[in-house]
Protein backbone atom coordinates (compact mmCIF):
# COMPACT_ATOMS: atom_id res chain seq x y z
CA MET A 1 35.00 -14.13 20.34
CA THR A 2 37.59 -11.53 21.25
CA GLN A 3 37.28 -10.23 24.78
CA PRO A 4 37.21 -6.46 25.33
CA THR A 5 40.38 -5.15 26.88
CA GLY A 6 38.93 -2.27 28.88
CA PRO A 7 35.79 -0.60 30.16
CA GLN A 8 33.13 0.63 27.80
CA SER A 9 30.07 2.81 28.06
CA PRO A 10 27.05 0.98 29.54
CA ASP A 11 25.03 2.17 26.55
CA ASP A 12 27.46 0.81 23.96
CA ASN A 13 25.54 -1.52 21.63
CA SER A 14 28.58 -2.83 19.82
CA ALA A 15 29.53 -6.49 19.61
CA GLN A 16 31.12 -6.07 23.03
CA GLY A 17 27.63 -5.40 24.42
CA SER A 18 26.54 -8.86 23.25
CA TYR A 19 29.71 -10.33 24.76
CA HIS A 20 28.73 -8.80 28.12
CA TYR A 21 25.37 -10.55 27.92
CA GLU A 22 27.00 -13.89 27.21
CA VAL A 23 29.10 -13.42 30.36
CA MET A 24 25.97 -12.53 32.31
CA ARG A 25 24.11 -15.63 31.07
CA ARG A 26 26.86 -17.82 32.47
CA ALA A 27 26.86 -15.82 35.69
CA ILE A 28 23.11 -16.36 36.14
CA ALA A 29 23.57 -20.10 35.72
CA ALA A 30 26.39 -20.12 38.29
CA ILE A 31 24.38 -18.06 40.79
CA ASP A 32 21.33 -20.31 40.39
CA ALA A 33 23.43 -23.44 40.95
CA ALA A 34 25.03 -22.08 44.14
CA ASP A 35 23.64 -22.50 47.65
CA GLY A 36 24.29 -18.86 48.49
CA PRO A 37 26.04 -15.70 47.29
CA LEU A 38 29.34 -16.32 45.53
CA ALA A 39 32.54 -14.43 46.25
CA LEU A 40 33.96 -12.45 43.35
CA GLU A 41 36.83 -14.92 42.87
CA THR A 42 34.47 -17.91 42.90
CA LEU A 43 31.94 -16.42 40.51
CA ALA A 44 34.63 -15.25 38.10
CA GLY A 45 36.21 -18.70 38.20
CA GLU A 46 32.87 -20.38 37.46
CA ILE A 47 32.63 -18.54 34.15
CA GLY A 48 36.32 -18.70 33.28
CA LEU A 49 37.42 -15.09 33.77
CA SER A 50 39.88 -13.42 36.08
CA PRO A 51 38.26 -11.55 38.98
CA ALA A 52 39.62 -8.21 37.72
CA HIS A 53 38.31 -8.74 34.19
CA PHE A 54 34.94 -9.97 35.43
CA GLN A 55 34.52 -7.00 37.76
CA ARG A 56 35.52 -4.58 35.02
CA LEU A 57 33.00 -6.04 32.58
CA PHE A 58 30.10 -5.88 34.97
CA SER A 59 30.94 -2.46 36.33
CA ALA A 60 31.05 -1.12 32.78
CA TRP A 61 27.90 -2.95 31.68
CA VAL A 62 25.54 -2.16 34.54
CA GLY A 63 27.35 0.41 36.67
CA VAL A 64 27.59 -1.65 39.88
CA SER A 65 29.93 -4.32 41.24
CA PRO A 66 29.32 -8.05 40.62
CA LYS A 67 28.62 -8.51 44.34
CA ARG A 68 25.81 -5.99 44.26
CA TYR A 69 24.58 -7.19 40.89
CA GLN A 70 24.07 -10.68 42.33
CA GLN A 71 21.43 -9.23 44.61
CA TYR A 72 19.41 -8.17 41.58
CA LEU A 73 19.68 -11.61 40.00
CA GLN A 74 18.38 -13.54 43.00
CA LEU A 75 15.15 -15.39 42.34
CA ASP A 76 13.24 -13.46 45.01
CA GLN A 77 14.23 -10.06 43.62
CA ALA A 78 10.96 -9.86 41.68
CA LYS A 79 8.99 -10.15 44.91
CA ARG A 80 11.05 -7.39 46.51
CA MET A 81 10.48 -5.17 43.52
CA LEU A 82 6.77 -5.84 43.68
CA CYS A 83 6.72 -4.74 47.33
CA GLU A 84 9.04 -1.75 46.99
CA ASN A 85 8.94 -0.62 43.35
CA MET A 86 5.36 -1.32 42.32
CA THR A 87 3.86 1.14 39.86
CA THR A 88 0.12 1.75 40.17
CA LEU A 89 -0.82 2.29 36.56
CA SER A 90 -4.29 3.59 37.31
CA THR A 91 -2.80 6.69 38.97
CA SER A 92 0.33 7.02 36.90
CA HIS A 93 0.87 10.27 35.02
CA ALA A 94 3.97 9.01 33.24
CA ILE A 95 3.63 9.04 29.47
CA GLY A 96 6.14 6.80 27.72
CA LEU A 97 9.34 5.72 29.40
CA SER A 98 10.54 7.51 32.50
CA GLY A 99 13.25 10.07 31.88
CA SER A 100 14.24 10.19 35.55
CA SER A 101 16.61 7.23 35.56
CA ARG A 102 19.99 6.98 33.91
CA LEU A 103 18.78 4.15 31.72
CA HIS A 104 15.88 5.86 30.03
CA ASP A 105 16.90 9.01 28.26
CA LEU A 106 14.82 7.54 25.46
CA PHE A 107 11.59 9.22 24.47
CA ILE A 108 9.10 7.11 22.57
CA ARG A 109 6.51 8.31 20.09
CA TRP A 110 4.16 5.70 18.77
CA GLU A 111 1.28 5.23 16.45
CA ALA A 112 -0.84 2.16 15.90
CA MET A 113 -2.01 0.42 12.77
CA SER A 114 -5.77 0.73 12.32
CA PRO A 115 -7.93 -2.34 13.05
CA GLY A 116 -8.61 -2.67 9.33
CA GLU A 117 -4.92 -2.63 8.49
CA PHE A 118 -4.26 -5.21 11.19
CA ALA A 119 -6.98 -7.48 9.81
CA ARG A 120 -5.21 -7.49 6.45
CA LYS A 121 -2.21 -9.17 8.18
CA GLY A 122 0.30 -6.71 6.80
CA ALA A 123 -0.80 -6.87 3.16
CA GLY A 124 0.78 -3.99 1.26
CA LEU A 125 3.18 -3.22 4.13
CA LYS A 126 6.93 -3.10 3.57
CA ILE A 127 8.95 -4.16 6.61
CA ASN A 128 12.74 -3.79 6.68
CA TRP A 129 14.73 -6.01 8.99
CA GLY A 130 18.28 -6.41 10.25
CA TRP A 131 20.37 -7.92 13.04
CA PHE A 132 22.03 -5.68 15.60
CA ASP A 133 24.14 -6.24 18.71
CA SER A 134 22.53 -5.21 21.98
CA PRO A 135 23.33 -5.34 25.69
CA PHE A 136 21.22 -8.53 25.82
CA GLY A 137 22.63 -10.43 22.89
CA PRO A 138 21.70 -10.46 19.19
CA ALA A 139 18.61 -8.36 18.48
CA LEU A 140 16.37 -8.66 15.43
CA VAL A 141 14.90 -5.26 14.58
CA MET A 142 12.06 -4.73 12.12
CA GLY A 143 10.62 -1.42 11.03
CA THR A 144 8.34 0.39 8.60
CA GLY A 145 8.42 3.96 7.39
CA ARG A 146 6.55 4.91 10.58
CA GLY A 147 9.00 3.37 13.04
CA ILE A 148 10.17 0.16 14.72
CA CYS A 149 7.49 -2.53 14.66
CA GLY A 150 9.47 -5.50 15.97
CA LEU A 151 12.39 -6.15 18.30
CA ALA A 152 13.30 -9.68 19.36
CA PHE A 153 16.17 -10.96 21.49
CA ALA A 154 17.63 -14.18 20.09
CA ALA A 155 20.15 -15.23 22.76
CA GLU A 156 17.78 -17.85 24.20
CA THR A 157 15.48 -18.67 21.28
CA GLY A 158 17.98 -18.62 18.41
CA ARG A 159 17.94 -16.42 15.32
CA ASP A 160 15.73 -18.62 13.16
CA ALA A 161 13.01 -18.86 15.81
CA ALA A 162 13.07 -15.10 16.39
CA MET A 163 12.80 -14.40 12.67
CA ASN A 164 9.99 -16.88 12.13
CA ASP A 165 8.11 -15.55 15.15
CA LEU A 166 8.08 -11.93 14.00
CA ARG A 167 7.39 -12.71 10.36
CA ALA A 168 4.40 -14.86 11.31
CA ARG A 169 2.73 -11.87 12.97
CA TRP A 170 2.33 -10.05 9.65
CA PRO A 171 2.38 -12.92 7.13
CA LYS A 172 1.28 -10.88 4.11
CA ALA A 173 3.84 -8.11 4.53
CA ARG A 174 6.85 -7.76 2.23
CA PHE A 175 10.03 -8.30 4.24
CA THR A 176 13.36 -6.88 3.06
CA GLU A 177 16.74 -7.28 4.71
CA ASN A 178 17.92 -3.67 4.99
CA PRO A 179 19.85 -2.99 8.20
CA ASP A 180 21.21 0.28 6.82
CA ALA A 181 17.70 1.73 6.63
CA LEU A 182 17.04 0.69 10.24
CA ALA A 183 20.44 1.52 11.74
CA PRO A 184 19.77 5.10 12.95
CA MET A 185 16.61 4.25 14.88
CA ALA A 186 17.76 0.76 15.91
CA ASN A 187 21.06 1.99 17.33
CA ALA A 188 19.37 4.88 19.16
CA ALA A 189 16.78 2.53 20.63
CA LEU A 190 19.25 -0.14 21.73
CA ALA A 191 21.52 2.50 23.25
CA GLN A 192 18.46 4.03 24.99
CA GLN A 193 19.26 7.52 23.72
CA GLY A 194 17.22 10.14 21.91
CA GLU A 195 13.78 9.68 20.41
CA THR A 196 12.45 6.42 19.03
CA ARG A 197 9.34 6.03 16.90
CA LEU A 198 7.29 2.84 17.18
CA HIS A 199 4.74 1.51 14.72
CA LEU A 200 2.54 -0.77 16.81
CA ILE A 201 0.91 -3.50 14.74
CA GLY A 202 -1.66 -5.39 16.78
CA ALA A 203 -5.32 -5.86 17.65
CA PRO A 204 -7.04 -2.97 19.52
CA PHE A 205 -6.97 -4.83 22.87
CA GLN A 206 -3.28 -5.60 22.46
CA ILE A 207 -2.53 -1.95 21.69
CA LYS A 208 -4.24 -0.90 24.94
CA VAL A 209 -2.13 -3.34 26.93
CA TRP A 210 1.09 -2.24 25.22
CA GLU A 211 0.24 1.42 25.87
CA ALA A 212 -0.17 0.59 29.57
CA LEU A 213 3.22 -1.12 29.59
CA LEU A 214 4.80 2.08 28.27
CA ARG A 215 3.73 3.85 31.48
CA ILE A 216 5.86 1.63 33.73
CA PRO A 217 9.09 3.49 34.60
CA SER A 218 12.45 1.78 34.43
CA GLY A 219 13.36 0.02 37.65
CA HIS A 220 9.69 -0.55 38.53
CA VAL A 221 7.26 -3.40 37.96
CA THR A 222 3.53 -3.99 37.95
CA THR A 223 1.18 -6.96 37.76
CA TYR A 224 -1.06 -8.37 35.07
CA SER A 225 -4.10 -7.54 37.23
CA GLU A 226 -2.95 -3.91 37.60
CA ILE A 227 -2.66 -3.64 33.84
CA ALA A 228 -6.14 -5.12 33.42
CA GLY A 229 -7.55 -2.51 35.79
CA ALA A 230 -5.65 0.31 34.10
CA ILE A 231 -7.20 -0.46 30.71
CA GLY A 232 -10.72 -0.74 32.15
CA ASN A 233 -11.01 -4.56 32.04
CA PRO A 234 -10.23 -5.71 35.59
CA ARG A 235 -11.41 -9.26 34.93
CA ALA A 236 -9.37 -9.70 31.77
CA VAL A 237 -6.18 -10.77 33.55
CA ARG A 238 -5.63 -13.85 31.40
CA ALA A 239 -6.23 -11.90 28.19
CA VAL A 240 -3.81 -9.23 29.41
CA GLY A 241 -1.18 -11.90 30.01
CA THR A 242 -1.64 -13.14 26.46
CA ALA A 243 -1.35 -9.61 25.06
CA VAL A 244 1.78 -8.96 27.12
CA GLY A 245 3.29 -12.13 25.69
CA ARG A 246 2.44 -11.01 22.15
CA ASN A 247 4.31 -7.71 22.49
CA PRO A 248 6.46 -7.58 19.34
CA VAL A 249 8.81 -4.82 20.56
CA SER A 250 10.83 -6.14 23.47
CA TRP A 251 12.45 -3.80 25.99
CA LEU A 252 11.07 -0.64 24.32
CA ILE A 253 7.57 -1.78 25.26
CA PRO A 254 8.64 -3.16 28.64
CA CYS A 255 6.64 -6.38 28.97
CA HIS A 256 9.44 -7.72 31.18
CA ARG A 257 8.17 -5.37 33.93
CA ALA A 258 4.86 -7.27 34.20
CA LEU A 259 4.84 -9.90 36.96
CA ARG A 260 2.35 -12.27 38.48
CA LYS A 261 0.51 -11.07 41.58
CA SER A 262 2.57 -13.51 43.66
CA GLY A 263 5.77 -11.82 42.52
CA ALA A 264 6.73 -14.73 40.27
CA LEU A 265 8.32 -13.71 37.00
CA GLY A 266 5.68 -15.40 34.86
CA GLY A 267 6.66 -16.11 31.29
CA TYR A 268 8.74 -14.16 28.82
CA HIS A 269 8.50 -14.65 25.09
CA TRP A 270 12.26 -14.35 24.48
CA GLY A 271 13.36 -16.50 27.43
CA LEU A 272 13.19 -16.08 31.22
CA PRO A 273 16.98 -15.55 31.58
CA VAL A 274 16.57 -12.46 29.37
CA LYS A 275 13.67 -11.21 31.52
CA ARG A 276 15.70 -11.62 34.69
CA ALA A 277 18.64 -9.90 33.07
CA LEU A 278 16.49 -6.97 31.94
CA LEU A 279 14.97 -6.50 35.40
CA ALA A 280 18.35 -6.79 37.12
CA PHE A 281 19.98 -4.41 34.67
CA GLU A 282 17.27 -1.78 35.15
CA GLY A 283 16.96 -2.24 38.89
CA ALA A 284 20.68 -1.96 39.52
CA ARG A 285 21.05 1.14 37.37
CA ALA A 286 17.97 2.82 38.81
CA ASP A 287 19.39 2.38 42.33
CA GLY A 288 22.96 3.17 41.27
């Protein structure tokens, strides 16, 4: 893959955006393997880049230096976020994604499939799909005439697994490869700019959980138990965790912002390295 020769916009979702994520994946592995924080020269050497090129990539991608970015990738960062950046959903007045941070200039409108439509498993529904580059690697985007219904990151799972996963959710739908039809809304969503329409296809309980996730601002986190309380089912923590894991629209419905009460990351359907990267990316830019 050709390396970019200069800085780019943090919101660029070109192939260079995917290249940035590949660099970050290697950086996460190097940080995890180290006994402590790594100097710029050491970290850059671990992933085979010059210090200047490495610093330029990360400064362009997330808006902060590699040294500061390491702080957001540490394994205990989730616990710090839970203590300092916890969102209490039961008292939140935020509707959709927060517009206060640099990351989220995106405004989301959504509508849900009716329970009857969901029970038919997508029968009669036409779903277009296509692959797009994103800041977190290859992204599979699916959409109907009402909006985006699926977004999967394939850097950890692989493209075939991501495709099979999303298709299995609506097995009776008619799937058509048509990236051109999706490009305007997919590119706007992945660049986090403008308005994005979502078509949420799930069971009523899942829809409630996903709606609660949409209230968590960028750079903040919450817990599965908080989500359960916010939707009026405080004892349904396990069911909430399952619904969070079944979110078909990664990043836009921010399931990565849901943590265990202990501060542990919990699971992530598209791979824990992606979850850590998403949280670090948002946390660094929110504080930047």
